[in-house]
Amino acid sequence: MNTPSPAPHRRRRAMQPEADDISLTNAAPEDDSAPQPSPPMRRRAAQQAPSAQRSRSGGQPLPRKRAAAAQARSPFEGTFLEQIPLALRIALIAVCVVIFCGCAFAITRNYMLEQEQRRRLEAEAAERAQHPLEYADLIVEYALAQNLDPALVSAVILCESSYNPLAESRLGARGLMQLMEDTAGWVAHKLDEDDASYSFDLLYDPETNIRYGTWYLGYLSRRFGGDATKIVCAYHAGQGNVDSWLKNPEYSSDGVTLDTIPTQDTATYASRVLRARDVYRKHYFSAPAESGVNP
C-alpha cells in the first residue's frame, strides 16, 4: 500500500516593511529651523483665484457687491412708477402726504366738535334738571295778565318753594310763591276777594297762589318801573326797605338805580332769582323783547 507523500512545506516569508514606512521610521526628528517644503502649485493657484476675483471686482468680494447693488436698486423697479419722472413722483408723494394730513385734521376736528357738542348737551340737561318747570300753563297765563316775564315768575317759584305747593316757611309764608298772611290778605282785598269765603289756607292751592303772587309781582313791577332787581328785592325784603335804600346815597347814586343791596340775604336771593330767570329764558321762554313783557 502506497502512502501519499506529504505536501511540501512552504516557509512563509517575513513581511518586509515598505520603503515609506522605513523612511518614516528611520527619519530623524524634524528641525523647526529646517526649511519647509513649498506647497503644491495646485493649492497656490486656488489661493490666487479669490484675489484675482477681488481685483476684478474692485477689491470687494462678489457677494458683497451684489448685496450693495440690490440695496441701490430702485423700489419702483419693475412697476409702472418706474416710467414716471422723478419730479412727478415727488409731487405725487407730496399730494398724498397733504391728503393724509387733511384727513387726519378733519377727523380730529370732527371728534373735538362732537365732544364739545356732547358736553354742551350734558350741561343743558343738568341745567334743566336743576331748573324744573311745573304749572307752566298757569304761570304763563297769570304772568302775561300782569305784563310780567314768565321766566321771572318761574325763577321766583323755584327759589321760594322749589315748586312745592305745600311749602311753608318758619315765618309762616305759604305755597308756591311763599306769600305771607298779611300780604295775601292785602292782595285778596285788592282783588275784591276778601269776603267770608277767603281763607289763608287757599294759598296751598297752586292756581290761587300763582294768581296772588303774580298780581303782587305785577304791582311791584309797576311801582319800580319794571326794574327786575328792585322788584325781586322788594318781593323778598319789602317795598319799604327798597324805598329807604334808594334814598340812601351810599346804596343809590341817583335815587333810582339800586347800586348796592345792603343786606346779604336779600343780595343772595336777588342773585339766585335773576340767574334762574336767565336759565328759564334759555330753555323754556323767549326773551322779554320778543314777548313784549317787562323783564
Protein backbone atom coordinates (compact mmCIF):
# COMPACT_ATOMS: atom_id res chain seq x y z
CA MET A 1 0.00 0.00 0.00
CA ASN A 2 1.39 3.20 -1.13
CA THR A 3 1.02 6.13 1.30
CA PRO A 4 0.76 9.57 -0.17
CA SER A 5 3.72 11.73 0.33
CA PRO A 6 3.16 14.83 2.41
CA ALA A 7 2.80 18.19 0.60
CA PRO A 8 5.94 20.19 0.54
CA HIS A 9 6.02 22.76 3.37
CA ARG A 10 6.42 26.36 2.29
CA ARG A 11 8.18 28.71 4.51
CA ARG A 12 6.28 31.98 4.96
CA ARG A 13 8.43 34.95 4.25
CA ALA A 14 8.51 37.65 6.75
CA MET A 15 6.72 40.83 5.58
CA GLN A 16 9.19 43.42 4.69
CA PRO A 17 8.34 46.97 5.72
CA GLU A 18 7.57 49.23 2.87
CA ALA A 19 10.00 51.84 1.84
CA ASP A 20 7.78 54.65 3.05
CA ASP A 21 7.40 53.07 6.47
CA ILE A 22 11.13 52.53 6.70
CA SER A 23 11.83 56.05 5.71
CA LEU A 24 9.36 57.32 8.28
CA THR A 25 10.72 55.09 10.99
CA ASN A 26 14.31 55.89 10.33
CA ALA A 27 13.74 59.55 9.65
CA ALA A 28 15.29 61.92 12.08
CA PRO A 29 13.04 64.30 14.03
CA GLU A 30 12.16 67.43 12.15
CA ASP A 31 14.00 70.55 13.00
CA ASP A 32 11.78 73.68 13.29
CA SER A 33 14.53 75.67 11.78
CA ALA A 34 14.73 73.49 8.72
CA PRO A 35 13.06 74.96 5.62
CA GLN A 36 9.56 73.69 4.92
CA PRO A 37 8.75 72.30 1.53
CA SER A 38 6.70 74.59 -0.63
CA PRO A 39 3.00 73.67 -1.12
CA PRO A 40 1.99 72.17 -4.37
CA MET A 41 1.26 74.56 -7.24
CA ARG A 42 -2.35 73.46 -7.36
CA ARG A 43 -3.08 74.80 -3.82
CA ARG A 44 -1.30 78.05 -4.55
CA ALA A 45 -3.33 78.58 -7.71
CA ALA A 46 -6.52 78.02 -5.71
CA GLN A 47 -5.45 80.70 -3.23
CA GLN A 48 -4.72 83.16 -6.00
CA ALA A 49 -8.16 82.72 -7.59
CA PRO A 50 -10.16 84.72 -4.95
CA SER A 51 -7.61 87.50 -5.02
CA ALA A 52 -7.97 87.69 -8.77
CA GLN A 53 -11.73 87.86 -8.39
CA ARG A 54 -11.36 90.58 -5.76
CA SER A 55 -9.11 92.57 -8.08
CA ARG A 56 -11.63 92.29 -10.90
CA SER A 57 -14.49 93.37 -8.61
CA GLY A 58 -12.67 96.43 -7.25
CA GLY A 59 -11.28 94.85 -4.11
CA GLN A 60 -14.69 93.64 -2.82
CA PRO A 61 -15.90 90.07 -2.78
CA LEU A 62 -18.60 89.39 -5.33
CA PRO A 63 -21.38 88.60 -2.81
CA ARG A 64 -20.93 91.97 -1.09
CA LYS A 65 -21.03 93.77 -4.40
CA ARG A 66 -24.25 92.02 -5.33
CA ALA A 67 -25.79 92.94 -1.95
CA ALA A 68 -24.80 96.58 -2.43
CA ALA A 69 -26.27 96.52 -5.91
CA ALA A 70 -29.51 95.08 -4.54
CA GLN A 71 -29.67 97.84 -1.92
CA ALA A 72 -29.09 100.51 -4.53
CA ARG A 73 -31.87 99.13 -6.69
CA SER A 74 -34.88 101.46 -7.00
CA PRO A 75 -38.02 100.38 -5.08
CA PHE A 76 -40.05 101.29 -8.16
CA GLU A 77 -38.10 98.88 -10.41
CA GLY A 78 -40.44 96.55 -12.20
CA THR A 79 -43.54 98.73 -11.53
CA PHE A 80 -45.37 101.29 -13.58
CA LEU A 81 -43.94 104.01 -11.34
CA GLU A 82 -40.56 103.39 -12.91
CA GLN A 83 -41.85 105.06 -16.05
CA ILE A 84 -42.86 108.23 -14.14
CA PRO A 85 -40.26 111.01 -13.91
CA LEU A 86 -38.69 111.61 -10.50
CA ALA A 87 -40.14 115.11 -10.14
CA LEU A 88 -43.63 113.78 -10.77
CA ARG A 89 -43.10 111.01 -8.23
CA ILE A 90 -42.11 113.56 -5.59
CA ALA A 91 -45.16 115.64 -6.44
CA LEU A 92 -47.44 112.61 -6.10
CA ILE A 93 -45.92 111.72 -2.75
CA ALA A 94 -46.38 115.33 -1.57
CA VAL A 95 -50.03 115.27 -2.65
CA CYS A 96 -50.59 112.01 -0.78
CA VAL A 97 -49.00 113.45 2.35
CA VAL A 98 -51.20 116.56 2.12
CA ILE A 99 -54.33 114.44 1.66
CA PHE A 100 -53.39 112.25 4.62
CA CYS A 101 -52.74 115.25 6.85
CA GLY A 102 -56.00 116.87 5.75
CA CYS A 103 -57.97 113.71 6.53
CA ALA A 104 -56.31 113.39 9.92
CA PHE A 105 -57.09 117.04 10.71
CA ALA A 106 -60.71 116.65 9.61
CA ILE A 107 -61.18 113.52 11.72
CA THR A 108 -59.62 115.19 14.76
CA ARG A 109 -61.71 118.34 14.29
CA ASN A 110 -64.94 116.36 13.94
CA TYR A 111 -64.11 114.38 17.07
CA MET A 112 -63.46 117.56 19.05
CA LEU A 113 -66.71 119.11 17.79
CA GLU A 114 -68.64 116.00 18.78
CA GLN A 115 -67.11 116.07 22.23
CA GLU A 116 -67.93 119.76 22.61
CA GLN A 117 -71.50 119.11 21.48
CA ARG A 118 -71.79 116.23 23.95
CA ARG A 119 -70.52 118.40 26.82
CA ARG A 120 -72.91 121.19 25.86
CA LEU A 121 -75.88 118.82 25.80
CA GLU A 122 -74.88 117.36 29.15
CA ALA A 123 -74.60 120.87 30.63
CA GLU A 124 -78.03 121.80 29.26
CA ALA A 125 -79.53 118.61 30.64
CA ALA A 126 -78.02 119.39 34.05
CA GLU A 127 -79.43 122.94 33.92
CA ARG A 128 -82.87 121.63 33.05
CA ALA A 129 -82.71 119.12 35.89
CA GLN A 130 -81.79 121.89 38.33
CA HIS A 131 -84.47 124.24 36.96
CA PRO A 132 -87.68 122.25 36.55
CA LEU A 133 -90.84 123.87 35.25
CA GLU A 134 -94.24 122.90 36.63
CA TYR A 135 -97.63 124.60 36.31
CA ALA A 136 -96.33 126.20 33.10
CA ASP A 137 -99.84 127.00 31.80
CA LEU A 138 -100.82 128.81 34.99
CA ILE A 139 -97.52 130.69 35.13
CA VAL A 140 -97.80 131.92 31.54
CA GLU A 141 -101.47 132.85 31.89
CA TYR A 142 -101.16 134.94 35.06
CA ALA A 143 -97.73 136.36 34.24
CA LEU A 144 -98.91 137.73 30.92
CA ALA A 145 -102.03 139.10 32.61
CA GLN A 146 -99.71 141.24 34.78
CA ASN A 147 -97.31 142.04 31.90
CA LEU A 148 -94.55 140.00 33.58
CA ASP A 149 -91.83 137.79 32.23
CA PRO A 150 -92.91 134.15 32.84
CA ALA A 151 -89.25 133.29 33.32
CA LEU A 152 -89.07 135.70 36.27
CA VAL A 153 -92.18 134.19 37.86
CA SER A 154 -90.79 130.67 37.36
CA ALA A 155 -87.49 131.70 38.96
CA VAL A 156 -89.27 133.16 41.99
CA ILE A 157 -91.25 129.94 42.48
CA LEU A 158 -88.06 127.87 42.18
CA CYS A 159 -86.17 129.94 44.75
CA GLU A 160 -89.12 130.29 47.11
CA SER A 161 -90.54 126.75 47.27
CA SER A 162 -88.81 124.55 44.64
CA TYR A 163 -92.29 124.01 43.17
CA ASN A 164 -93.73 122.50 46.33
CA PRO A 165 -97.33 123.78 46.69
CA LEU A 166 -97.45 122.74 50.35
CA ALA A 167 -94.25 124.52 51.35
CA GLU A 168 -94.39 126.67 54.47
CA SER A 169 -91.53 128.75 55.88
CA ARG A 170 -90.63 129.17 59.53
CA LEU A 171 -92.05 132.72 59.30
CA GLY A 172 -95.42 131.42 58.07
CA ALA A 173 -95.20 132.06 54.29
CA ARG A 174 -97.19 129.52 52.31
CA GLY A 175 -97.44 127.90 48.93
CA LEU A 176 -95.51 128.05 45.69
CA MET A 177 -94.67 131.76 45.87
CA GLN A 178 -94.41 131.87 49.69
CA LEU A 179 -96.82 134.69 50.42
CA MET A 180 -97.09 135.94 53.99
CA GLU A 181 -100.56 136.07 55.54
CA ASP A 182 -100.79 139.87 55.63
CA THR A 183 -99.54 140.17 52.02
CA ALA A 184 -102.01 137.53 50.82
CA GLY A 185 -104.87 139.29 52.65
CA TRP A 186 -103.90 142.64 51.13
CA VAL A 187 -103.84 141.10 47.61
CA ALA A 188 -107.24 139.47 48.23
CA HIS A 189 -108.59 142.89 49.25
CA LYS A 190 -107.22 144.45 46.06
CA LEU A 191 -108.86 141.69 44.03
CA ASP A 192 -112.15 142.09 45.93
CA GLU A 193 -111.86 138.54 47.21
CA ASP A 194 -111.61 139.29 50.91
CA ASP A 195 -115.13 138.18 51.69
CA ALA A 196 -116.17 135.38 54.01
CA SER A 197 -115.02 132.75 51.50
CA TYR A 198 -111.41 133.89 51.70
CA SER A 199 -109.00 131.88 53.86
CA PHE A 200 -105.24 131.90 54.10
CA ASP A 201 -105.37 128.14 53.54
CA LEU A 202 -106.32 128.91 49.93
CA LEU A 203 -102.66 129.73 49.36
CA TYR A 204 -101.91 125.99 49.32
CA ASP A 205 -103.86 125.82 46.06
CA PRO A 206 -101.34 126.22 43.18
CA GLU A 207 -103.60 128.33 40.96
CA THR A 208 -104.64 130.69 43.77
CA ASN A 209 -101.07 131.07 44.94
CA ILE A 210 -99.74 131.81 41.45
CA ARG A 211 -102.58 134.25 40.78
CA TYR A 212 -101.97 136.17 44.01
CA GLY A 213 -98.19 136.02 43.69
CA THR A 214 -98.11 137.25 40.10
CA TRP A 215 -100.52 140.07 40.96
CA TYR A 216 -98.16 141.18 43.73
CA LEU A 217 -95.11 140.95 41.42
CA GLY A 218 -97.02 142.96 38.81
CA TYR A 219 -97.77 145.62 41.40
CA LEU A 220 -94.08 145.84 42.34
CA SER A 221 -93.10 145.97 38.67
CA ARG A 222 -95.40 148.94 38.06
CA ARG A 223 -94.15 150.65 41.23
CA PHE A 224 -90.45 150.24 40.41
CA GLY A 225 -90.61 150.79 36.67
CA GLY A 226 -90.02 147.18 35.65
CA ASP A 227 -86.54 147.05 37.24
CA ALA A 228 -86.07 143.33 37.94
CA THR A 229 -83.50 143.90 40.69
CA LYS A 230 -85.74 146.25 42.65
CA ILE A 231 -88.80 144.03 42.05
CA VAL A 232 -87.05 140.94 43.44
CA CYS A 233 -85.56 142.83 46.39
CA ALA A 234 -88.95 144.30 47.27
CA TYR A 235 -90.56 140.85 46.99
CA HIS A 236 -88.00 139.48 49.47
CA ALA A 237 -87.29 142.37 51.86
CA GLY A 238 -90.39 144.53 51.41
CA GLN A 239 -91.03 147.60 49.31
CA GLY A 240 -90.49 149.93 52.24
CA ASN A 241 -86.88 148.76 52.64
CA VAL A 242 -86.20 149.25 48.93
CA ASP A 243 -87.56 152.80 49.16
CA SER A 244 -85.20 153.57 52.04
CA TRP A 245 -82.22 152.09 50.18
CA LEU A 246 -82.92 154.23 47.14
CA LYS A 247 -82.93 157.35 49.33
CA ASN A 248 -79.53 156.48 50.75
CA PRO A 249 -76.69 157.78 48.53
CA GLU A 250 -74.50 155.00 49.89
CA TYR A 251 -76.70 152.46 48.11
CA SER A 252 -78.08 154.51 45.21
CA SER A 253 -76.20 157.27 43.39
CA ASP A 254 -79.25 158.75 41.66
CA GLY A 255 -82.15 157.64 43.84
CA VAL A 256 -83.47 155.45 41.02
CA THR A 257 -80.93 152.69 40.49
CA LEU A 258 -80.13 150.34 43.35
CA ASP A 259 -76.34 150.15 43.11
CA THR A 260 -75.77 148.16 46.31
CA ILE A 261 -78.03 145.76 48.19
CA PRO A 262 -77.07 146.32 51.85
CA THR A 263 -78.40 143.08 53.34
CA GLN A 264 -76.56 139.90 52.43
CA ASP A 265 -79.56 137.57 52.45
CA THR A 266 -81.53 139.81 50.06
CA ALA A 267 -78.48 140.24 47.81
CA THR A 268 -78.02 136.46 47.65
CA TYR A 269 -81.72 135.93 46.96
CA ALA A 270 -81.79 138.50 44.16
CA SER A 271 -78.71 136.96 42.57
CA ARG A 272 -80.22 133.47 42.64
CA VAL A 273 -83.55 134.62 41.18
CA LEU A 274 -82.02 136.62 38.34
CA ARG A 275 -79.63 133.81 37.46
CA ALA A 276 -82.50 131.29 37.44
CA ARG A 277 -84.57 133.70 35.31
CA ASP A 278 -81.84 133.63 32.65
CA VAL A 279 -81.84 129.82 32.66
CA TYR A 280 -85.63 129.71 32.28
CA ARG A 281 -85.39 132.14 29.40
CA LYS A 282 -82.77 129.98 27.76
CA HIS A 283 -84.64 126.67 27.97
CA TYR A 284 -88.35 127.45 28.33
CA PHE A 285 -89.36 131.01 27.44
CA SER A 286 -88.49 133.64 24.87
CA ALA A 287 -86.71 136.86 25.76
CA PRO A 288 -88.84 139.76 27.10
CA ALA A 289 -88.19 141.85 23.97
CA GLU A 290 -89.73 139.07 21.87
CA SER A 291 -92.74 138.52 24.13
CA GLY A 292 -93.44 142.19 24.82
CA VAL A 293 -93.39 141.97 28.63
CA ASN A 294 -91.38 143.64 31.35
CA PRO A 295 -88.17 141.88 32.42
